[in-house]
C-alpha atoms as a PDB file:
ATOM      1  CA  UNK A   1      28.473  13.485   3.337  1.00  0.00           C
ATOM      2  CA  UNK A   2      27.556   9.799   3.377  1.00  0.00           C
ATOM      3  CA  UNK A   3      29.518   9.242   6.564  1.00  0.00           C
ATOM      4  CA  UNK A   4      27.806  12.161   8.322  1.00  0.00           C
ATOM      5  CA  UNK A   5      24.375  10.857   7.335  1.00  0.00           C
ATOM      6  CA  UNK A   6      25.304   7.349   8.469  1.00  0.00           C
ATOM      7  CA  UNK A   7      26.564   8.553  11.847  1.00  0.00           C
ATOM      8  CA  UNK A   8      23.545  10.783  12.345  1.00  0.00           C
ATOM      9  CA  UNK A   9      20.937   8.105  11.600  1.00  0.00           C
ATOM     10  CA  UNK A  10      21.486   4.610  10.238  1.00  0.00           C
ATOM     11  CA  UNK A  11      17.776   4.326   9.478  1.00  0.00           C
ATOM     12  CA  UNK A  12      17.865   7.653   7.636  1.00  0.00           C
ATOM     13  CA  UNK A  13      20.928   6.428   5.738  1.00  0.00           C
ATOM     14  CA  UNK A  14      19.063   3.275   4.675  1.00  0.00           C
ATOM     15  CA  UNK A  15      15.971   5.223   3.598  1.00  0.00           C
ATOM     16  CA  UNK A  16      18.107   7.656   1.606  1.00  0.00           C
ATOM     17  CA  UNK A  17      19.667   4.741  -0.277  1.00  0.00           C
ATOM     18  CA  UNK A  18      16.260   3.182  -0.947  1.00  0.00           C
ATOM     19  CA  UNK A  19      14.938   6.437  -2.390  1.00  0.00           C
ATOM     20  CA  UNK A  20      18.071   7.072  -4.466  1.00  0.00           C
ATOM     21  CA  UNK A  21      18.082   3.514  -5.772  1.00  0.00           C
ATOM     22  CA  UNK A  22      14.392   3.451  -6.725  1.00  0.00           C
ATOM     23  CA  UNK A  23      14.413   6.888  -8.352  1.00  0.00           C
ATOM     24  CA  UNK A  24      17.688   6.576 -10.249  1.00  0.00           C
ATOM     25  CA  UNK A  25      17.107   3.078 -11.604  1.00  0.00           C
ATOM     26  CA  UNK A  26      13.536   3.975 -12.609  1.00  0.00           C
ATOM     27  CA  UNK A  27      14.889   6.983 -14.489  1.00  0.00           C
ATOM     28  CA  UNK A  28      17.537   4.753 -16.052  1.00  0.00           C
ATOM     29  CA  UNK A  29      14.920   2.237 -17.212  1.00  0.00           C
ATOM     30  CA  UNK A  30      12.725   4.997 -18.657  1.00  0.00           C
ATOM     31  CA  UNK A  31      15.649   6.565 -20.536  1.00  0.00           C
ATOM     32  CA  UNK A  32      16.785   3.153 -21.784  1.00  0.00           C
ATOM     33  CA  UNK A  33      13.271   2.497 -23.108  1.00  0.00           C
ATOM     34  CA  UNK A  34      13.216   5.875 -24.854  1.00  0.00           C
ATOM     35  CA  UNK A  35      16.535   5.033 -26.538  1.00  0.00           C
ATOM     36  CA  UNK A  36      15.234   1.652 -27.566  1.00  0.00           C
ATOM     37  CA  UNK A  37      18.180  -0.195 -25.983  1.00  0.00           C
ATOM     38  CA  UNK A  38      17.339  -2.260 -22.913  1.00  0.00           C
ATOM     39  CA  UNK A  39      19.338  -1.216 -19.796  1.00  0.00           C
ATOM     40  CA  UNK A  40      21.652   1.068 -21.824  1.00  0.00           C
ATOM     41  CA  UNK A  41      21.323   3.838 -19.227  1.00  0.00           C
ATOM     42  CA  UNK A  42      20.339   1.641 -16.290  1.00  0.00           C
ATOM     43  CA  UNK A  43      23.594  -0.342 -16.232  1.00  0.00           C
ATOM     44  CA  UNK A  44      25.958   2.649 -15.800  1.00  0.00           C
ATOM     45  CA  UNK A  45      23.745   3.988 -13.010  1.00  0.00           C
ATOM     46  CA  UNK A  46      23.615   0.588 -11.293  1.00  0.00           C
ATOM     47  CA  UNK A  47      27.379   0.159 -11.595  1.00  0.00           C
ATOM     48  CA  UNK A  48      27.985   3.614 -10.134  1.00  0.00           C
ATOM     49  CA  UNK A  49      25.650   3.025  -7.189  1.00  0.00           C
ATOM     50  CA  UNK A  50      27.154  -0.422  -6.547  1.00  0.00           C
ATOM     51  CA  UNK A  51      30.691   0.948  -6.572  1.00  0.00           C
ATOM     52  CA  UNK A  52      29.750   3.870  -4.331  1.00  0.00           C
ATOM     53  CA  UNK A  53      28.016   1.680  -1.766  1.00  0.00           C
ATOM     54  CA  UNK A  54      30.750  -0.969  -1.759  1.00  0.00           C
ATOM     55  CA  UNK A  55      33.484   1.660  -1.454  1.00  0.00           C
ATOM     56  CA  UNK A  56      31.690   3.268   1.500  1.00  0.00           C
ATOM     57  CA  UNK A  57      31.346  -0.056   3.345  1.00  0.00           C
ATOM     58  CA  UNK A  58      34.929  -1.170   2.679  1.00  0.00           C
ATOM     59  CA  UNK A  59      36.469   2.219   3.449  1.00  0.00           C
ATOM     60  CA  UNK A  60      34.743   2.409   6.828  1.00  0.00           C
ATOM     61  CA  UNK A  61      35.291  -1.286   7.595  1.00  0.00           C
ATOM     62  CA  UNK A  62      31.576  -2.054   7.584  1.00  0.00           C
ATOM     63  CA  UNK A  63      31.487  -4.765   4.931  1.00  0.00           C
ATOM     64  CA  UNK A  64      31.453  -7.623   7.451  1.00  0.00           C
ATOM     65  CA  UNK A  65      28.849  -5.907   9.611  1.00  0.00           C
ATOM     66  CA  UNK A  66      26.516  -5.735   6.629  1.00  0.00           C
ATOM     67  CA  UNK A  67      26.909  -9.273   5.401  1.00  0.00           C
ATOM     68  CA  UNK A  68      29.712  -8.995   2.847  1.00  0.00           C
ATOM     69  CA  UNK A  69      31.558 -11.949   4.344  1.00  0.00           C
ATOM     70  CA  UNK A  70      31.560 -15.725   4.236  1.00  0.00           C
ATOM     71  CA  UNK A  71      28.519 -17.463   5.767  1.00  0.00           C
ATOM     72  CA  UNK A  72      29.054 -18.272   9.428  1.00  0.00           C
ATOM     73  CA  UNK A  73      26.516 -21.109   9.417  1.00  0.00           C
ATOM     74  CA  UNK A  74      27.283 -24.569   8.128  1.00  0.00           C
ATOM     75  CA  UNK A  75      25.667 -25.522   4.843  1.00  0.00           C
ATOM     76  CA  UNK A  76      23.880 -28.365   6.625  1.00  0.00           C
ATOM     77  CA  UNK A  77      22.124 -25.892   8.922  1.00  0.00           C
ATOM     78  CA  UNK A  78      20.952 -24.039   5.808  1.00  0.00           C
ATOM     79  CA  UNK A  79      19.622 -27.279   4.232  1.00  0.00           C
ATOM     80  CA  UNK A  80      22.575 -27.006   1.844  1.00  0.00           C
ATOM     81  CA  UNK A  81      20.695 -24.128   0.153  1.00  0.00           C
ATOM     82  CA  UNK A  82      18.924 -26.713  -2.023  1.00  0.00           C
ATOM     83  CA  UNK A  83      15.552 -24.859  -2.079  1.00  0.00           C
ATOM     84  CA  UNK A  84      17.362 -21.921  -3.686  1.00  0.00           C
ATOM     85  CA  UNK A  85      18.235 -24.080  -6.686  1.00  0.00           C
ATOM     86  CA  UNK A  86      14.531 -24.665  -7.209  1.00  0.00           C
ATOM     87  CA  UNK A  87      13.817 -20.957  -6.904  1.00  0.00           C
ATOM     88  CA  UNK A  88      16.517 -20.138  -9.453  1.00  0.00           C
ATOM     89  CA  UNK A  89      14.768 -22.303 -12.016  1.00  0.00           C
ATOM     90  CA  UNK A  90      11.347 -20.649 -11.715  1.00  0.00           C
ATOM     91  CA  UNK A  91      11.939 -18.026 -14.407  1.00  0.00           C
ATOM     92  CA  UNK A  92      12.395 -20.887 -16.851  1.00  0.00           C
ATOM     93  CA  UNK A  93       9.181 -22.700 -15.914  1.00  0.00           C
ATOM     94  CA  UNK A  94       7.358 -20.887 -18.704  1.00  0.00           C
ATOM     95  CA  UNK A  95       9.859 -22.155 -21.253  1.00  0.00           C
ATOM     96  CA  UNK A  96      13.125 -20.712 -22.541  1.00  0.00           C
ATOM     97  CA  UNK A  97      12.924 -17.842 -24.993  1.00  0.00           C
ATOM     98  CA  UNK A  98      15.651 -15.159 -25.341  1.00  0.00           C
ATOM     99  CA  UNK A  99      14.019 -11.751 -24.950  1.00  0.00           C
ATOM    100  CA  UNK A 100      16.791  -9.559 -26.398  1.00  0.00           C
ATOM    101  CA  UNK A 101      19.661  -9.522 -28.845  1.00  0.00           C
ATOM    102  CA  UNK A 102      23.180 -10.381 -27.681  1.00  0.00           C
ATOM    103  CA  UNK A 103      24.240  -6.845 -26.715  1.00  0.00           C
ATOM    104  CA  UNK A 104      21.016  -6.110 -24.836  1.00  0.00           C
ATOM    105  CA  UNK A 105      21.168  -9.494 -23.110  1.00  0.00           C
ATOM    106  CA  UNK A 106      24.641  -8.688 -21.773  1.00  0.00           C
ATOM    107  CA  UNK A 107      23.448  -5.249 -20.591  1.00  0.00           C
ATOM    108  CA  UNK A 108      20.418  -6.836 -18.950  1.00  0.00           C
ATOM    109  CA  UNK A 109      22.365  -9.582 -17.154  1.00  0.00           C
ATOM    110  CA  UNK A 110      24.981  -7.163 -15.808  1.00  0.00           C
ATOM    111  CA  UNK A 111      22.246  -4.783 -14.664  1.00  0.00           C
ATOM    112  CA  UNK A 112      20.424  -7.576 -12.838  1.00  0.00           C
ATOM    113  CA  UNK A 113      23.603  -8.691 -11.076  1.00  0.00           C
ATOM    114  CA  UNK A 114      24.062  -5.108  -9.847  1.00  0.00           C
ATOM    115  CA  UNK A 115      20.415  -5.013  -8.778  1.00  0.00           C
ATOM    116  CA  UNK A 116      20.930  -8.206  -6.765  1.00  0.00           C
ATOM    117  CA  UNK A 117      23.862  -6.628  -4.952  1.00  0.00           C
ATOM    118  CA  UNK A 118      22.188  -3.264  -4.351  1.00  0.00           C
ATOM    119  CA  UNK A 119      18.828  -4.576  -3.181  1.00  0.00           C
ATOM    120  CA  UNK A 120      20.313  -7.131  -0.800  1.00  0.00           C
ATOM    121  CA  UNK A 121      22.754  -4.688   0.787  1.00  0.00           C
ATOM    122  CA  UNK A 122      20.173  -1.893   0.983  1.00  0.00           C
ATOM    123  CA  UNK A 123      17.090  -3.831   2.150  1.00  0.00           C
ATOM    124  CA  UNK A 124      18.694  -6.705   4.062  1.00  0.00           C
ATOM    125  CA  UNK A 125      21.910  -4.994   5.117  1.00  0.00           C
ATOM    126  CA  UNK A 126      21.209  -1.321   5.764  1.00  0.00           C
ATOM    127  CA  UNK A 127      17.456  -1.235   6.460  1.00  0.00           C
ATOM    128  CA  UNK A 128      17.180  -4.473   8.422  1.00  0.00           C
ATOM    129  CA  UNK A 129      20.237  -3.776  10.559  1.00  0.00           C
ATOM    130  CA  UNK A 130      19.103  -0.216  11.283  1.00  0.00           C
ATOM    131  CA  UNK A 131      15.983  -1.637  12.990  1.00  0.00           C
ATOM    132  CA  UNK A 132      17.246  -5.020  14.125  1.00  0.00           C
ATOM    133  CA  UNK A 133      18.541  -4.168  17.583  1.00  0.00           C
ATOM    134  CA  UNK A 134      15.497  -2.184  18.682  1.00  0.00           C
ATOM    135  CA  UNK A 135      12.796  -4.484  17.275  1.00  0.00           C
ATOM    136  CA  UNK A 136      13.917  -7.617  15.370  1.00  0.00           C
ATOM    137  CA  UNK A 137      10.388  -8.668  14.396  1.00  0.00           C
ATOM    138  CA  UNK A 138       9.526  -5.240  12.991  1.00  0.00           C
ATOM    139  CA  UNK A 139      12.858  -5.211  11.145  1.00  0.00           C
ATOM    140  CA  UNK A 140      12.003  -8.488   9.394  1.00  0.00           C
ATOM    141  CA  UNK A 141       8.489  -7.306   8.468  1.00  0.00           C
ATOM    142  CA  UNK A 142       9.564  -3.854   7.232  1.00  0.00           C
ATOM    143  CA  UNK A 143      12.510  -5.199   5.238  1.00  0.00           C
ATOM    144  CA  UNK A 144      10.332  -7.832   3.534  1.00  0.00           C
ATOM    145  CA  UNK A 145       7.341  -5.607   2.777  1.00  0.00           C
ATOM    146  CA  UNK A 146       9.298  -2.592   1.534  1.00  0.00           C
ATOM    147  CA  UNK A 147      11.284  -4.877  -0.745  1.00  0.00           C
ATOM    148  CA  UNK A 148       8.077  -6.368  -2.132  1.00  0.00           C
ATOM    149  CA  UNK A 149       6.275  -3.035  -2.520  1.00  0.00           C
ATOM    150  CA  UNK A 150       9.247  -1.603  -4.387  1.00  0.00           C
ATOM    151  CA  UNK A 151       8.270  -3.760  -7.373  1.00  0.00           C
ATOM    152  CA  UNK A 152       5.243  -1.524  -7.951  1.00  0.00           C
ATOM    153  CA  UNK A 153       7.704   0.798  -9.673  1.00  0.00           C
ATOM    154  CA  UNK A 154       7.679  -1.595 -12.617  1.00  0.00           C
ATOM    155  CA  UNK A 155       4.348  -0.047 -13.577  1.00  0.00           C
ATOM    156  CA  UNK A 156       5.878   3.368 -14.184  1.00  0.00           C
ATOM    157  CA  UNK A 157       9.559   2.830 -15.020  1.00  0.00           C
ATOM    158  CA  UNK A 158       9.141   1.964 -18.670  1.00  0.00           C
ATOM    159  CA  UNK A 159       9.532  -1.789 -18.219  1.00  0.00           C
ATOM    160  CA  UNK A 160       6.110  -2.397 -19.748  1.00  0.00           C
ATOM    161  CA  UNK A 161       4.902  -4.534 -16.856  1.00  0.00           C
ATOM    162  CA  UNK A 162       1.143  -5.103 -16.614  1.00  0.00           C
ATOM    163  CA  UNK A 163      -0.950  -4.603 -13.476  1.00  0.00           C
ATOM    164  CA  UNK A 164      -1.383  -8.334 -12.776  1.00  0.00           C
ATOM    165  CA  UNK A 165       2.294  -9.022 -13.434  1.00  0.00           C
ATOM    166  CA  UNK A 166       3.348  -6.242 -11.050  1.00  0.00           C
ATOM    167  CA  UNK A 167       0.922  -7.423  -8.352  1.00  0.00           C
ATOM    168  CA  UNK A 168       2.248 -10.980  -8.561  1.00  0.00           C
ATOM    169  CA  UNK A 169       5.804  -9.643  -8.363  1.00  0.00           C
ATOM    170  CA  UNK A 170       4.922  -7.762  -5.174  1.00  0.00           C
ATOM    171  CA  UNK A 171       3.488 -10.949  -3.641  1.00  0.00           C
ATOM    172  CA  UNK A 172       6.379 -13.297  -4.339  1.00  0.00           C
ATOM    173  CA  UNK A 173       9.024 -10.593  -3.825  1.00  0.00           C
ATOM    174  CA  UNK A 174       7.676 -10.029  -0.309  1.00  0.00           C
ATOM    175  CA  UNK A 175       7.946 -13.758   0.389  1.00  0.00           C
ATOM    176  CA  UNK A 176      11.430 -13.856  -1.143  1.00  0.00           C
ATOM    177  CA  UNK A 177      12.378 -10.831   0.963  1.00  0.00           C
ATOM    178  CA  UNK A 178      11.363 -12.724   4.094  1.00  0.00           C
ATOM    179  CA  UNK A 179      13.404 -15.719   2.955  1.00  0.00           C
ATOM    180  CA  UNK A 180      16.508 -13.633   2.281  1.00  0.00           C
ATOM    181  CA  UNK A 181      16.216 -12.006   5.716  1.00  0.00           C
ATOM    182  CA  UNK A 182      16.128 -15.452   7.330  1.00  0.00           C
ATOM    183  CA  UNK A 183      19.152 -16.586   5.330  1.00  0.00           C
ATOM    184  CA  UNK A 184      20.988 -13.462   6.452  1.00  0.00           C
ATOM    185  CA  UNK A 185      20.008 -13.876  10.105  1.00  0.00           C
ATOM    186  CA  UNK A 186      21.045 -17.536  10.179  1.00  0.00           C
ATOM    187  CA  UNK A 187      24.289 -17.191   8.222  1.00  0.00           C
ATOM    188  CA  UNK A 188      25.208 -13.544   9.011  1.00  0.00           C
ATOM    189  CA  UNK A 189      26.149 -13.261   5.344  1.00  0.00           C
ATOM    190  CA  UNK A 190      24.479 -11.747   2.282  1.00  0.00           C
ATOM    191  CA  UNK A 191      26.688 -13.428  -0.306  1.00  0.00           C
ATOM    192  CA  UNK A 192      24.289 -16.302  -1.016  1.00  0.00           C
ATOM    193  CA  UNK A 193      21.358 -13.866  -1.120  1.00  0.00           C
ATOM    194  CA  UNK A 194      23.187 -11.549  -3.532  1.00  0.00           C
ATOM    195  CA  UNK A 195      24.118 -14.421  -5.836  1.00  0.00           C
ATOM    196  CA  UNK A 196      20.629 -15.960  -5.810  1.00  0.00           C
ATOM    197  CA  UNK A 197      18.887 -12.631  -6.270  1.00  0.00           C
ATOM    198  CA  UNK A 198      21.130 -11.525  -9.116  1.00  0.00           C
ATOM    199  CA  UNK A 199      20.997 -14.813 -11.018  1.00  0.00           C
ATOM    200  CA  UNK A 200      17.226 -15.119 -10.517  1.00  0.00           C
ATOM    201  CA  UNK A 201      16.685 -11.691 -12.059  1.00  0.00           C
ATOM    202  CA  UNK A 202      19.211 -12.297 -14.832  1.00  0.00           C
ATOM    203  CA  UNK A 203      17.464 -15.504 -15.935  1.00  0.00           C
ATOM    204  CA  UNK A 204      14.311 -13.496 -16.639  1.00  0.00           C
ATOM    205  CA  UNK A 205      16.079 -12.446 -19.850  1.00  0.00           C
ATOM    206  CA  UNK A 206      15.371 -15.977 -21.094  1.00  0.00           C
ATOM    207  CA  UNK A 207      11.874 -16.401 -19.665  1.00  0.00           C
ATOM    208  CA  UNK A 208       8.921 -16.979 -21.971  1.00  0.00           C
ATOM    209  CA  UNK A 209       6.478 -15.479 -19.476  1.00  0.00           C
ATOM    210  CA  UNK A 210       4.771 -13.401 -22.185  1.00  0.00           C
ATOM    211  CA  UNK A 211       3.372 -16.622 -23.693  1.00  0.00           C
ATOM    212  CA  UNK A 212       1.855 -17.721 -20.359  1.00  0.00           C
ATOM    213  CA  UNK A 213      -1.779 -17.115 -19.475  1.00  0.00           C
ATOM    214  CA  UNK A 214      -2.941 -15.354 -16.327  1.00  0.00           C
ATOM    215  CA  UNK A 215      -3.853 -18.654 -14.688  1.00  0.00           C
ATOM    216  CA  UNK A 216      -0.348 -20.049 -15.162  1.00  0.00           C
ATOM    217  CA  UNK A 217       1.216 -16.824 -13.861  1.00  0.00           C
ATOM    218  CA  UNK A 218      -0.916 -16.955 -10.719  1.00  0.00           C
ATOM    219  CA  UNK A 219      -0.117 -20.650 -10.182  1.00  0.00           C
ATOM    220  CA  UNK A 220       3.620 -20.083 -10.539  1.00  0.00           C
ATOM    221  CA  UNK A 221       3.408 -17.073  -8.201  1.00  0.00           C
ATOM    222  CA  UNK A 222       1.738 -19.238  -5.560  1.00  0.00           C
ATOM    223  CA  UNK A 223       4.364 -21.956  -5.954  1.00  0.00           C
ATOM    224  CA  UNK A 224       7.219 -19.477  -5.724  1.00  0.00           C
ATOM    225  CA  UNK A 225       5.653 -17.831  -2.665  1.00  0.00           C
ATOM    226  CA  UNK A 226       5.037 -21.158  -0.911  1.00  0.00           C
ATOM    227  CA  UNK A 227       8.577 -22.409  -1.569  1.00  0.00           C
ATOM    228  CA  UNK A 228      10.052 -19.167  -0.241  1.00  0.00           C
ATOM    229  CA  UNK A 229       7.864 -19.144   2.879  1.00  0.00           C
ATOM    230  CA  UNK A 230       8.420 -22.833   3.627  1.00  0.00           C
ATOM    231  CA  UNK A 231      12.207 -22.491   3.392  1.00  0.00           C
ATOM    232  CA  UNK A 232      12.147 -19.275   5.428  1.00  0.00           C
ATOM    233  CA  UNK A 233      10.130 -20.926   8.201  1.00  0.00           C
ATOM    234  CA  UNK A 234      12.499 -23.906   8.276  1.00  0.00           C
ATOM    235  CA  UNK A 235      15.338 -21.464   8.885  1.00  0.00           C
ATOM    236  CA  UNK A 236      13.363 -19.377  11.384  1.00  0.00           C
ATOM    237  CA  UNK A 237      12.122 -22.167  13.690  1.00  0.00           C
ATOM    238  CA  UNK A 238      15.551 -23.013  15.202  1.00  0.00           C
ATOM    239  CA  UNK A 239      16.051 -19.308  15.902  1.00  0.00           C
ATOM    240  CA  UNK A 240      12.729 -19.174  17.743  1.00  0.00           C
ATOM    241  CA  UNK A 241      13.574 -22.249  19.816  1.00  0.00           C
ATOM    242  CA  UNK A 242      16.955 -20.794  20.683  1.00  0.00           C
ATOM    243  CA  UNK A 243      15.381 -17.476  21.674  1.00  0.00           C
ATOM    244  CA  UNK A 244      12.770 -19.272  23.815  1.00  0.00           C
ATOM    245  CA  UNK A 245      15.441 -21.326  25.584  1.00  0.00           C
ATOM    246  CA  UNK A 246      17.469 -18.187  26.221  1.00  0.00           C
ATOM    247  CA  UNK A 247      14.420 -16.401  27.665  1.00  0.00           C
ATOM    248  CA  UNK A 248      13.538 -19.358  29.903  1.00  0.00           C
ATOM    249  CA  UNK A 249      17.115 -19.573  31.160  1.00  0.00           C
ATOM    250  CA  UNK A 250      17.121 -15.851  31.926  1.00  0.00           C
ATOM    251  CA  UNK A 251      13.800 -16.067  33.791  1.00  0.00           C
ATOM    252  CA  UNK A 252      15.039 -19.064  35.758  1.00  0.00           C
ATOM    253  CA  UNK A 253      18.179 -17.176  36.778  1.00  0.00           C
ATOM    254  CA  UNK A 254      16.137 -14.144  37.825  1.00  0.00           C
ATOM    255  CA  UNK A 255      13.822 -16.313  39.966  1.00  0.00           C
ATOM    256  CA  UNK A 256      16.805 -17.963  41.634  1.00  0.00           C
ATOM    257  CA  UNK A 257      18.299 -14.562  42.462  1.00  0.00           C
ATOM    258  CA  UNK A 258      15.018 -13.331  43.963  1.00  0.00           C
ATOM    259  CA  UNK A 259      14.478 -16.504  46.029  1.00  0.00           C
ATOM    260  CA  UNK A 260      15.070 -15.734  49.758  1.00  0.00           C
ATOM    261  CA  UNK A 261      18.110 -17.417  51.242  1.00  0.00           C
ATOM    262  CA  UNK A 262      17.885 -19.482  54.386  1.00  0.00           C
ATOM    263  CA  UNK A 263      19.537 -18.456  57.694  1.00  0.00           C
ATOM    264  CA  UNK A 264      23.283 -18.585  57.599  1.00  0.00           C
ATOM    265  CA  UNK A 265      25.373 -20.353  60.235  1.00  0.00           C
ATOM    266  CA  UNK A 266      26.885 -17.878  62.666  1.00  0.00           C
END
């Protein structure tokens, strides 16, 4: 069934995964909240979806095509990924305060690692690649915005997120989505994105954000957004220069081919 859907429409396949992921994990969060055990239902669902998606990609030899491979760009070209270390620390800017007991913390961390894998493969791998060949710019925009807008679900999935908190998540998640797309385009790998995304989410289990005021939340959101955008643009500029040089070379070749030739010696 999955293979038939994939062969029929890669974009439809990506959208189906987005819908399934959002609905099932939202249901899992709501059921976990009703049980009073954080991520108790969410984790099994996330593990099942992760295994299903990974098995599909490996079985059909698509793992490399969707970024499950070593980065093909040198670390130097990626600025040694140093800005990501700063991003990973942002959940601890409010101070360190464990949010759950030991068992719930383990459930939460494992769930967030699965979320990092699923969201990167679905939004950056499936969705972006389904649109990439036809319109690369639109693929970047759609992948980033849909990833950011998906965080609105936190208002209704039982996570207890407030309106301001969810809005700020949408803002910096969109910027982070753009950054992860650029990392993927430059390196042709999602491994760094998956690791960063998963660890970033997992560290929220130790964030003392609840003690922060609205002003501090907005300030940190702006900082996180600016860091993500600045790093993304640093990665994107060489791609633009390369594309411009390629276009100029192509136009020059076309002009040379159209240029009339002089009379030949007979």
